[in-house]
Amino acid sequence: MEEFKATIQQSNTMNQAAMDHEWNVLSKLSYDGTSPVQVYLDRFNHHMRQIKRIDPDVEDEDLRMTIHGQLRNAKKPPLLGLDGERYMGLETWLGRQPSVDINTYEKLSTALKERYGGSKGKMSLEVVLEIDQMHPNWKKTTLKEFFADVDELLGTTTIEDGFVIKALYEKVPIEVKEELRRS
């Protein structure tokens, strides 16, 4: 009987050490919104699964608050965020979210993916750069064909019209610009 008690106590000690290790590693993660969020979430989810394997009773709220505490504004913020718009730090973004939209781990994770590049669609900055790299041969390409190509590039990406207009204005022939000015 003593051996059985000793084995259980040793197992509990090992589980507690493993749990402490996972929480320690998890607590050192942070995310600032300057890279796609999926890498951060993959790391977080790996350690979360390890913790839940040891203690299946871990509360969703503990996980949500752990992520909540790891979201930081970048120390050197870039001019543009991952979506091609003006960069908004994670702490700032988080403070602007309605609490009902981020009140569970799943909702917070989904909101982060939507805002910080977890989706597979093109981001607006990528689209503007692709438009900028277009060099149509105006002797062979009609305006209708050119704008069909642009429309295909835009796809379902939400992008501010001003960026598209500026990028397109530089591509359109002088004759067309003159015609647009007259009308």
C-alpha atoms as a PDB file:
ATOM      1  CA  MET A   1       0.000   0.000   0.000  1.00  0.00           C
ATOM      2  CA  GLU A   2       2.836   2.387   0.785  1.00  0.00           C
ATOM      3  CA  GLU A   3       4.336   1.799  -2.677  1.00  0.00           C
ATOM      4  CA  PHE A   4       0.991   2.668  -4.283  1.00  0.00           C
ATOM      5  CA  LYS A   5       0.749   5.923  -2.285  1.00  0.00           C
ATOM      6  CA  ALA A   6       4.333   6.797  -3.192  1.00  0.00           C
ATOM      7  CA  THR A   7       3.629   6.143  -6.901  1.00  0.00           C
ATOM      8  CA  ILE A   8       0.526   8.355  -6.835  1.00  0.00           C
ATOM      9  CA  GLN A   9       2.398  11.117  -5.004  1.00  0.00           C
ATOM     10  CA  GLN A  10       5.269  10.903  -7.517  1.00  0.00           C
ATOM     11  CA  SER A  11       2.787  11.044 -10.408  1.00  0.00           C
ATOM     12  CA  ASN A  12       1.092  14.100  -8.889  1.00  0.00           C
ATOM     13  CA  THR A  13       4.467  15.790  -8.431  1.00  0.00           C
ATOM     14  CA  MET A  14       5.423  15.052 -12.049  1.00  0.00           C
ATOM     15  CA  ASN A  15       2.074  16.350 -13.311  1.00  0.00           C
ATOM     16  CA  GLN A  16       2.434  19.534 -11.256  1.00  0.00           C
ATOM     17  CA  ALA A  17       5.981  20.075 -12.575  1.00  0.00           C
ATOM     18  CA  ALA A  18       4.780  19.559 -16.153  1.00  0.00           C
ATOM     19  CA  MET A  19       1.846  21.915 -15.569  1.00  0.00           C
ATOM     20  CA  ASP A  20       4.124  24.565 -14.066  1.00  0.00           C
ATOM     21  CA  HIS A  21       6.491  24.234 -17.021  1.00  0.00           C
ATOM     22  CA  GLU A  22       3.698  24.639 -19.594  1.00  0.00           C
ATOM     23  CA  TRP A  23       2.202  27.661 -17.811  1.00  0.00           C
ATOM     24  CA  ASN A  24       5.689  29.169 -17.536  1.00  0.00           C
ATOM     25  CA  VAL A  25       6.368  28.761 -21.269  1.00  0.00           C
ATOM     26  CA  LEU A  26       2.876  29.992 -22.113  1.00  0.00           C
ATOM     27  CA  SER A  27       3.313  33.077 -19.936  1.00  0.00           C
ATOM     28  CA  LYS A  28       6.404  34.125 -21.912  1.00  0.00           C
ATOM     29  CA  LEU A  29       4.544  34.365 -25.225  1.00  0.00           C
ATOM     30  CA  SER A  30       3.418  37.741 -26.535  1.00  0.00           C
ATOM     31  CA  TYR A  31       2.003  39.163 -29.743  1.00  0.00           C
ATOM     32  CA  ASP A  32       2.230  42.730 -31.099  1.00  0.00           C
ATOM     33  CA  GLY A  33       0.314  42.574 -34.386  1.00  0.00           C
ATOM     34  CA  THR A  34       3.320  43.085 -36.690  1.00  0.00           C
ATOM     35  CA  SER A  35       3.304  39.517 -38.019  1.00  0.00           C
ATOM     36  CA  PRO A  36       0.495  37.099 -38.902  1.00  0.00           C
ATOM     37  CA  VAL A  37      -1.286  35.993 -35.725  1.00  0.00           C
ATOM     38  CA  GLN A  38      -1.433  32.337 -36.748  1.00  0.00           C
ATOM     39  CA  VAL A  39       2.157  31.636 -35.633  1.00  0.00           C
ATOM     40  CA  TYR A  40       1.419  33.019 -32.168  1.00  0.00           C
ATOM     41  CA  LEU A  41      -1.893  31.137 -31.930  1.00  0.00           C
ATOM     42  CA  ASP A  42      -0.255  27.858 -33.009  1.00  0.00           C
ATOM     43  CA  ARG A  43       2.294  28.177 -30.191  1.00  0.00           C
ATOM     44  CA  PHE A  44      -0.366  29.202 -27.690  1.00  0.00           C
ATOM     45  CA  ASN A  45      -2.668  26.326 -28.712  1.00  0.00           C
ATOM     46  CA  HIS A  46       0.153  23.781 -28.446  1.00  0.00           C
ATOM     47  CA  HIS A  47       0.850  24.713 -24.828  1.00  0.00           C
ATOM     48  CA  MET A  48      -2.855  25.055 -24.099  1.00  0.00           C
ATOM     49  CA  ARG A  49      -3.438  21.453 -25.277  1.00  0.00           C
ATOM     50  CA  GLN A  50      -0.596  20.252 -23.039  1.00  0.00           C
ATOM     51  CA  ILE A  51      -2.106  22.046 -20.053  1.00  0.00           C
ATOM     52  CA  LYS A  52      -5.590  20.667 -20.762  1.00  0.00           C
ATOM     53  CA  ARG A  53      -4.155  17.169 -21.108  1.00  0.00           C
ATOM     54  CA  ILE A  54      -2.735  17.433 -17.582  1.00  0.00           C
ATOM     55  CA  ASP A  55      -5.715  19.310 -16.135  1.00  0.00           C
ATOM     56  CA  PRO A  56      -8.902  19.054 -18.220  1.00  0.00           C
ATOM     57  CA  ASP A  57     -10.675  21.394 -15.770  1.00  0.00           C
ATOM     58  CA  VAL A  58      -8.712  24.496 -16.855  1.00  0.00           C
ATOM     59  CA  GLU A  59     -11.211  27.296 -17.331  1.00  0.00           C
ATOM     60  CA  ASP A  60     -11.735  28.952 -20.711  1.00  0.00           C
ATOM     61  CA  GLU A  61     -11.551  32.286 -18.884  1.00  0.00           C
ATOM     62  CA  ASP A  62      -7.985  31.525 -17.735  1.00  0.00           C
ATOM     63  CA  LEU A  63      -6.927  30.908 -21.325  1.00  0.00           C
ATOM     64  CA  ARG A  64      -8.720  34.000 -22.623  1.00  0.00           C
ATOM     65  CA  MET A  65      -7.171  36.201 -19.960  1.00  0.00           C
ATOM     66  CA  THR A  66      -3.737  34.724 -20.672  1.00  0.00           C
ATOM     67  CA  ILE A  67      -4.042  35.755 -24.328  1.00  0.00           C
ATOM     68  CA  HIS A  68      -5.521  39.074 -23.247  1.00  0.00           C
ATOM     69  CA  GLY A  69      -2.415  39.773 -21.172  1.00  0.00           C
ATOM     70  CA  GLN A  70      -0.057  38.816 -23.996  1.00  0.00           C
ATOM     71  CA  LEU A  71      -1.377  41.318 -26.539  1.00  0.00           C
ATOM     72  CA  ARG A  72       1.020  44.255 -26.731  1.00  0.00           C
ATOM     73  CA  ASN A  73       1.469  47.360 -28.823  1.00  0.00           C
ATOM     74  CA  ALA A  74       4.666  47.155 -30.890  1.00  0.00           C
ATOM     75  CA  LYS A  75       7.646  48.953 -29.365  1.00  0.00           C
ATOM     76  CA  LYS A  76       8.493  50.340 -32.808  1.00  0.00           C
ATOM     77  CA  PRO A  77       5.137  50.481 -34.592  1.00  0.00           C
ATOM     78  CA  PRO A  78       5.202  50.127 -38.385  1.00  0.00           C
ATOM     79  CA  LEU A  79       3.446  52.734 -40.524  1.00  0.00           C
ATOM     80  CA  LEU A  80       1.038  50.159 -41.929  1.00  0.00           C
ATOM     81  CA  GLY A  81      -0.487  47.109 -40.296  1.00  0.00           C
ATOM     82  CA  LEU A  82      -0.877  43.668 -41.838  1.00  0.00           C
ATOM     83  CA  ASP A  83      -4.108  44.766 -43.479  1.00  0.00           C
ATOM     84  CA  GLY A  84      -2.407  47.651 -45.297  1.00  0.00           C
ATOM     85  CA  GLU A  85      -4.163  50.208 -43.130  1.00  0.00           C
ATOM     86  CA  ARG A  86      -2.571  52.417 -40.479  1.00  0.00           C
ATOM     87  CA  TYR A  87      -1.107  50.186 -37.759  1.00  0.00           C
ATOM     88  CA  MET A  88      -3.177  49.831 -34.613  1.00  0.00           C
ATOM     89  CA  GLY A  89      -1.501  48.204 -31.637  1.00  0.00           C
ATOM     90  CA  LEU A  90      -3.060  45.154 -30.041  1.00  0.00           C
ATOM     91  CA  GLU A  91      -3.751  46.804 -26.704  1.00  0.00           C
ATOM     92  CA  THR A  92      -5.451  49.684 -28.516  1.00  0.00           C
ATOM     93  CA  TRP A  93      -7.424  47.298 -30.752  1.00  0.00           C
ATOM     94  CA  LEU A  94      -8.432  45.155 -27.781  1.00  0.00           C
ATOM     95  CA  GLY A  95      -9.731  48.176 -25.890  1.00  0.00           C
ATOM     96  CA  ARG A  96     -12.010  49.066 -28.816  1.00  0.00           C
ATOM     97  CA  GLN A  97     -13.648  45.638 -29.081  1.00  0.00           C
ATOM     98  CA  PRO A  98     -17.122  45.148 -27.641  1.00  0.00           C
ATOM     99  CA  SER A  99     -16.683  42.757 -24.712  1.00  0.00           C
ATOM    100  CA  VAL A 100     -19.394  40.452 -26.068  1.00  0.00           C
ATOM    101  CA  ASP A 101     -17.258  39.908 -29.214  1.00  0.00           C
ATOM    102  CA  ILE A 102     -14.218  38.693 -27.255  1.00  0.00           C
ATOM    103  CA  ASN A 103     -15.663  37.195 -24.066  1.00  0.00           C
ATOM    104  CA  THR A 104     -14.507  33.623 -24.788  1.00  0.00           C
ATOM    105  CA  TYR A 105     -11.235  32.122 -25.919  1.00  0.00           C
ATOM    106  CA  GLU A 106     -12.781  31.077 -29.263  1.00  0.00           C
ATOM    107  CA  LYS A 107     -14.276  34.508 -29.962  1.00  0.00           C
ATOM    108  CA  LEU A 108     -11.024  36.295 -29.094  1.00  0.00           C
ATOM    109  CA  SER A 109      -9.008  33.875 -31.223  1.00  0.00           C
ATOM    110  CA  THR A 110     -11.386  34.340 -34.180  1.00  0.00           C
ATOM    111  CA  ALA A 111     -11.339  38.135 -33.849  1.00  0.00           C
ATOM    112  CA  LEU A 112      -7.532  38.109 -33.813  1.00  0.00           C
ATOM    113  CA  LYS A 113      -7.420  35.949 -36.947  1.00  0.00           C
ATOM    114  CA  GLU A 114      -9.818  38.264 -38.776  1.00  0.00           C
ATOM    115  CA  ARG A 115      -7.913  41.416 -37.828  1.00  0.00           C
ATOM    116  CA  TYR A 116      -4.304  40.230 -37.885  1.00  0.00           C
ATOM    117  CA  GLY A 117      -3.924  38.019 -40.905  1.00  0.00           C
ATOM    118  CA  GLY A 118      -5.291  34.635 -39.946  1.00  0.00           C
ATOM    119  CA  SER A 119      -7.470  34.593 -43.068  1.00  0.00           C
ATOM    120  CA  LYS A 120      -6.257  33.242 -46.380  1.00  0.00           C
ATOM    121  CA  GLY A 121      -7.556  36.166 -48.443  1.00  0.00           C
ATOM    122  CA  LYS A 122      -5.306  38.873 -49.806  1.00  0.00           C
ATOM    123  CA  MET A 123      -4.715  41.861 -47.625  1.00  0.00           C
ATOM    124  CA  SER A 124      -5.285  45.342 -49.030  1.00  0.00           C
ATOM    125  CA  LEU A 125      -1.571  46.187 -49.048  1.00  0.00           C
ATOM    126  CA  GLU A 126      -0.875  43.110 -51.198  1.00  0.00           C
ATOM    127  CA  VAL A 127      -3.577  44.169 -53.661  1.00  0.00           C
ATOM    128  CA  VAL A 128      -2.247  47.733 -53.937  1.00  0.00           C
ATOM    129  CA  LEU A 129       1.273  46.381 -54.525  1.00  0.00           C
ATOM    130  CA  GLU A 130      -0.006  44.013 -57.224  1.00  0.00           C
ATOM    131  CA  ILE A 131      -1.834  46.870 -58.951  1.00  0.00           C
ATOM    132  CA  ASP A 132       1.338  48.935 -58.698  1.00  0.00           C
ATOM    133  CA  GLN A 133       3.281  46.138 -60.414  1.00  0.00           C
ATOM    134  CA  MET A 134       0.879  45.998 -63.361  1.00  0.00           C
ATOM    135  CA  HIS A 135       2.389  47.399 -66.558  1.00  0.00           C
ATOM    136  CA  PRO A 136      -0.217  47.067 -69.300  1.00  0.00           C
ATOM    137  CA  ASN A 137       0.739  47.415 -72.946  1.00  0.00           C
ATOM    138  CA  TRP A 138      -1.779  50.066 -73.966  1.00  0.00           C
ATOM    139  CA  LYS A 139      -1.358  49.229 -77.656  1.00  0.00           C
ATOM    140  CA  LYS A 140      -2.755  45.733 -77.001  1.00  0.00           C
ATOM    141  CA  THR A 141      -4.792  46.130 -73.791  1.00  0.00           C
ATOM    142  CA  THR A 142      -8.111  47.958 -73.712  1.00  0.00           C
ATOM    143  CA  LEU A 143      -9.316  49.865 -70.677  1.00  0.00           C
ATOM    144  CA  LYS A 144     -12.111  47.344 -70.279  1.00  0.00           C
ATOM    145  CA  GLU A 145      -9.589  44.468 -70.141  1.00  0.00           C
ATOM    146  CA  PHE A 146      -7.354  46.409 -67.755  1.00  0.00           C
ATOM    147  CA  PHE A 147     -10.193  47.145 -65.333  1.00  0.00           C
ATOM    148  CA  ALA A 148     -11.386  43.530 -65.562  1.00  0.00           C
ATOM    149  CA  ASP A 149      -7.894  42.476 -64.418  1.00  0.00           C
ATOM    150  CA  VAL A 150      -8.021  45.026 -61.590  1.00  0.00           C
ATOM    151  CA  ASP A 151     -11.478  43.831 -60.569  1.00  0.00           C
ATOM    152  CA  GLU A 152     -10.167  40.257 -60.450  1.00  0.00           C
ATOM    153  CA  LEU A 153      -7.252  41.375 -58.266  1.00  0.00           C
ATOM    154  CA  LEU A 154      -9.580  43.160 -55.861  1.00  0.00           C
ATOM    155  CA  GLY A 155     -11.721  40.047 -55.422  1.00  0.00           C
ATOM    156  CA  THR A 156     -13.382  40.117 -52.025  1.00  0.00           C
ATOM    157  CA  THR A 157     -10.707  42.262 -50.410  1.00  0.00           C
ATOM    158  CA  THR A 158     -12.038  45.282 -48.575  1.00  0.00           C
ATOM    159  CA  ILE A 159      -9.862  48.203 -49.532  1.00  0.00           C
ATOM    160  CA  GLU A 160     -10.186  51.952 -49.307  1.00  0.00           C
ATOM    161  CA  ASP A 161     -11.082  53.488 -52.684  1.00  0.00           C
ATOM    162  CA  GLY A 162      -8.417  56.186 -52.372  1.00  0.00           C
ATOM    163  CA  PHE A 163      -5.596  53.624 -52.484  1.00  0.00           C
ATOM    164  CA  VAL A 164      -7.025  51.945 -55.572  1.00  0.00           C
ATOM    165  CA  ILE A 165      -7.718  55.230 -57.362  1.00  0.00           C
ATOM    166  CA  LYS A 166      -4.190  56.494 -56.718  1.00  0.00           C
ATOM    167  CA  ALA A 167      -2.619  53.228 -57.914  1.00  0.00           C
ATOM    168  CA  LEU A 168      -4.839  53.139 -61.009  1.00  0.00           C
ATOM    169  CA  TYR A 169      -4.375  56.806 -61.877  1.00  0.00           C
ATOM    170  CA  GLU A 170      -0.670  56.194 -62.385  1.00  0.00           C
ATOM    171  CA  LYS A 171      -1.401  53.316 -64.794  1.00  0.00           C
ATOM    172  CA  VAL A 172      -4.009  54.947 -67.048  1.00  0.00           C
ATOM    173  CA  PRO A 173      -2.758  56.568 -70.305  1.00  0.00           C
ATOM    174  CA  ILE A 174      -2.575  60.366 -70.543  1.00  0.00           C
ATOM    175  CA  GLU A 175      -5.358  60.451 -73.149  1.00  0.00           C
ATOM    176  CA  VAL A 176      -7.759  58.771 -70.745  1.00  0.00           C
ATOM    177  CA  LYS A 177      -6.765  61.111 -67.914  1.00  0.00           C
ATOM    178  CA  GLU A 178      -7.470  64.090 -70.185  1.00  0.00           C
ATOM    179  CA  GLU A 179     -10.872  62.654 -71.105  1.00  0.00           C
ATOM    180  CA  LEU A 180     -11.705  62.139 -67.440  1.00  0.00           C
ATOM    181  CA  ARG A 181     -10.685  65.704 -66.601  1.00  0.00           C
ATOM    182  CA  ARG A 182     -12.931  67.075 -69.354  1.00  0.00           C
ATOM    183  CA  SER A 183     -15.924  65.070 -68.181  1.00  0.00           C
END
